[in-house]
């Protein structure tokens, strides 16, 4: 899903480095556009970028940064982008969360080999696991990657609720699209 599809009111684009732009609500544009924002690629994530600006320096080699999503929300609390797009900073796309909830809504890692979240291959079986307190919790082993992915989805909904990023999104929840 593209960020513009989530828009319920007018949106504006904040120009960033790398030829990218962040999307903000019309009401936040003037306040945010007063500053120069840059784009930063998230490590290990396919095409995931965030907008930030430098607001000072601890010393010459350690800048102090502010993320656009924190600027928009007016706090430094951990923030989740509902649609997984770090450049979509509309208020209806941002929500406060804890580390576990934010991790539940993560995209696939760039080194994922099965194409499904929570699924790995061991020998000739597909293993479904879900994160729990920093370790993987075994869900089961399956003959197909799709079976394992569906088992992960069931466990993710029970464990993470609205924050679960599913392999097979529920049609009534288009924000939870697979990416």
Protein backbone atom coordinates (compact mmCIF):
# COMPACT_ATOMS: atom_id res chain seq x y z
CA UNK A 1 0.00 0.00 0.00
CA UNK A 2 1.27 3.43 -0.85
CA UNK A 3 1.27 6.21 1.72
CA UNK A 4 -1.11 8.32 -0.35
CA UNK A 5 -3.79 5.62 -0.12
CA UNK A 6 -3.88 6.08 3.67
CA UNK A 7 -4.49 9.80 3.37
CA UNK A 8 -7.82 10.97 4.73
CA UNK A 9 -6.96 14.64 4.44
CA UNK A 10 -4.56 16.65 2.26
CA UNK A 11 -0.90 15.65 2.47
CA UNK A 12 2.26 17.51 1.59
CA UNK A 13 5.75 16.34 0.70
CA UNK A 14 8.88 17.41 2.59
CA UNK A 15 11.94 17.17 0.30
CA UNK A 16 14.76 14.96 1.59
CA UNK A 17 18.21 13.93 0.43
CA UNK A 18 18.67 11.01 -2.00
CA UNK A 19 15.83 12.37 -4.14
CA UNK A 20 13.22 11.20 -1.62
CA UNK A 21 10.33 12.97 0.08
CA UNK A 22 8.49 12.44 3.36
CA UNK A 23 4.72 12.75 3.53
CA UNK A 24 3.11 14.81 6.30
CA UNK A 25 -0.38 16.11 6.94
CA UNK A 26 -1.12 19.52 5.47
CA UNK A 27 -1.47 20.95 9.00
CA UNK A 28 2.12 19.88 9.87
CA UNK A 29 3.80 20.98 6.65
CA UNK A 30 4.65 24.61 7.48
CA UNK A 31 6.10 23.67 10.88
CA UNK A 32 8.20 20.77 9.50
CA UNK A 33 9.28 22.42 6.25
CA UNK A 34 11.13 25.19 8.15
CA UNK A 35 13.98 22.71 8.62
CA UNK A 36 16.27 20.77 6.30
CA UNK A 37 15.46 17.06 6.55
CA UNK A 38 17.58 14.17 5.30
CA UNK A 39 16.80 10.56 4.40
CA UNK A 40 18.44 7.65 6.21
CA UNK A 41 18.19 4.05 5.05
CA UNK A 42 17.38 1.51 7.75
CA UNK A 43 19.95 -1.30 7.88
CA UNK A 44 18.77 -4.81 6.92
CA UNK A 45 15.41 -3.55 5.61
CA UNK A 46 14.42 -3.61 1.95
CA UNK A 47 13.92 -0.01 0.86
CA UNK A 48 12.99 1.33 4.30
CA UNK A 49 13.93 4.97 4.84
CA UNK A 50 13.30 7.50 7.60
CA UNK A 51 13.48 11.30 7.67
CA UNK A 52 15.73 13.03 10.22
CA UNK A 53 17.52 16.27 10.87
CA UNK A 54 20.63 17.18 12.84
CA UNK A 55 19.80 19.44 15.79
CA UNK A 56 23.24 19.67 17.40
CA UNK A 57 26.47 17.83 18.11
CA UNK A 58 27.78 16.00 21.17
CA UNK A 59 31.21 16.43 19.60
CA UNK A 60 32.54 16.62 16.04
CA UNK A 61 31.82 13.02 15.20
CA UNK A 62 28.52 12.51 17.06
CA UNK A 63 25.58 14.54 15.80
CA UNK A 64 22.32 14.74 17.75
CA UNK A 65 19.43 13.80 15.48
CA UNK A 66 15.68 14.25 15.56
CA UNK A 67 13.41 11.93 13.60
CA UNK A 68 10.54 13.49 11.67
CA UNK A 69 8.00 11.08 13.22
CA UNK A 70 9.08 12.24 16.71
CA UNK A 71 8.87 15.87 15.58
CA UNK A 72 5.32 15.34 14.27
CA UNK A 73 4.18 13.50 17.42
CA UNK A 74 5.90 15.97 19.73
CA UNK A 75 7.60 13.23 21.74
CA UNK A 76 10.57 10.89 21.69
CA UNK A 77 8.52 7.81 22.56
CA UNK A 78 9.04 4.78 20.35
CA UNK A 79 6.85 5.19 17.28
CA UNK A 80 5.43 2.67 14.84
CA UNK A 81 4.52 3.50 11.24
CA UNK A 82 1.33 1.47 10.73
CA UNK A 83 1.98 0.90 7.02
CA UNK A 84 5.70 0.15 7.48
CA UNK A 85 6.70 3.18 5.39
CA UNK A 86 9.14 5.27 7.43
CA UNK A 87 8.58 8.26 5.14
CA UNK A 88 4.81 8.34 5.73
CA UNK A 89 4.58 10.67 8.71
CA UNK A 90 0.87 11.41 8.65
CA UNK A 91 -0.61 11.39 12.12
CA UNK A 92 -3.05 8.59 11.20
CA UNK A 93 -0.05 6.42 10.28
CA UNK A 94 1.90 7.00 13.52
CA UNK A 95 1.25 5.33 16.86
CA UNK A 96 3.13 5.07 20.14
CA UNK A 97 4.39 1.58 20.88
CA UNK A 98 6.90 -0.38 22.87
CA UNK A 99 9.91 -2.18 21.40
CA UNK A 100 8.08 -5.50 21.12
CA UNK A 101 5.12 -3.96 19.28
CA UNK A 102 7.39 -2.06 16.92
CA UNK A 103 9.35 -5.23 16.16
CA UNK A 104 6.10 -7.11 15.49
CA UNK A 105 5.31 -4.68 12.67
CA UNK A 106 8.76 -4.96 11.03
CA UNK A 107 9.14 -5.83 7.39
CA UNK A 108 11.07 -8.84 6.20
CA UNK A 109 14.83 -8.68 6.65
CA UNK A 110 16.74 -8.31 3.39
CA UNK A 111 18.41 -11.69 3.99
CA UNK A 112 15.08 -13.56 4.35
CA UNK A 113 15.20 -16.64 2.10
CA UNK A 114 11.61 -17.96 2.37
CA UNK A 115 9.70 -14.79 1.54
CA UNK A 116 7.63 -15.07 4.72
CA UNK A 117 7.96 -13.43 8.10
CA UNK A 118 8.64 -15.90 10.92
CA UNK A 119 9.54 -18.75 8.57
CA UNK A 120 12.94 -20.39 8.05
CA UNK A 121 14.08 -23.55 6.29
CA UNK A 122 15.79 -26.37 8.22
CA UNK A 123 16.79 -29.47 6.34
CA UNK A 124 13.66 -30.32 4.33
CA UNK A 125 11.09 -28.61 6.58
CA UNK A 126 9.80 -25.07 7.01
CA UNK A 127 9.99 -23.87 10.60
CA UNK A 128 7.61 -21.25 12.01
CA UNK A 129 8.86 -19.21 14.99
CA UNK A 130 7.75 -16.01 16.65
CA UNK A 131 9.85 -13.60 18.68
CA UNK A 132 9.43 -13.76 22.43
CA UNK A 133 11.63 -11.98 24.96
CA UNK A 134 14.56 -11.76 22.56
CA UNK A 135 14.40 -15.39 21.43
CA UNK A 136 12.42 -17.36 18.89
CA UNK A 137 9.45 -19.34 20.22
CA UNK A 138 8.85 -22.55 18.29
CA UNK A 139 5.47 -22.75 16.57
CA UNK A 140 6.04 -25.89 14.51
CA UNK A 141 7.56 -27.51 11.42
CA UNK A 142 5.66 -27.75 8.15
CA UNK A 143 5.96 -29.27 4.69
CA UNK A 144 5.35 -25.96 2.88
CA UNK A 145 6.39 -22.38 3.47
CA UNK A 146 2.76 -21.26 3.11
CA UNK A 147 1.61 -23.59 5.93
CA UNK A 148 4.38 -22.28 8.18
CA UNK A 149 3.51 -18.68 7.27
CA UNK A 150 -0.16 -19.20 8.15
CA UNK A 151 0.84 -20.74 11.49
CA UNK A 152 3.07 -17.70 12.14
CA UNK A 153 0.18 -15.36 11.27
CA UNK A 154 -2.14 -17.09 13.76
CA UNK A 155 0.46 -16.85 16.52
CA UNK A 156 1.29 -13.22 15.61
CA UNK A 157 -2.33 -12.09 15.87
CA UNK A 158 -2.63 -13.74 19.31
CA UNK A 159 0.69 -12.32 20.53
CA UNK A 160 0.81 -8.84 18.93
CA UNK A 161 -2.80 -7.98 18.07
CA UNK A 162 -3.10 -4.87 15.89
CA UNK A 163 0.71 -4.61 15.61
CA UNK A 164 1.11 -7.99 13.90
CA UNK A 165 2.48 -7.74 10.36
CA UNK A 166 0.95 -10.71 8.63
CA UNK A 167 2.15 -12.79 5.70
CA UNK A 168 -1.45 -13.12 4.51
CA UNK A 169 -3.17 -9.84 5.46
CA UNK A 170 -6.75 -9.81 6.57
CA UNK A 171 -8.77 -8.12 3.77
CA UNK A 172 -10.50 -5.75 6.21
CA UNK A 173 -7.09 -4.39 7.32
CA UNK A 174 -5.35 -3.06 4.18
CA UNK A 175 -2.67 -1.29 6.24
CA UNK A 176 -1.23 -4.66 7.23
CA UNK A 177 -0.04 -5.40 3.70
CA UNK A 178 2.92 -7.71 3.25
CA UNK A 179 6.20 -6.04 2.23
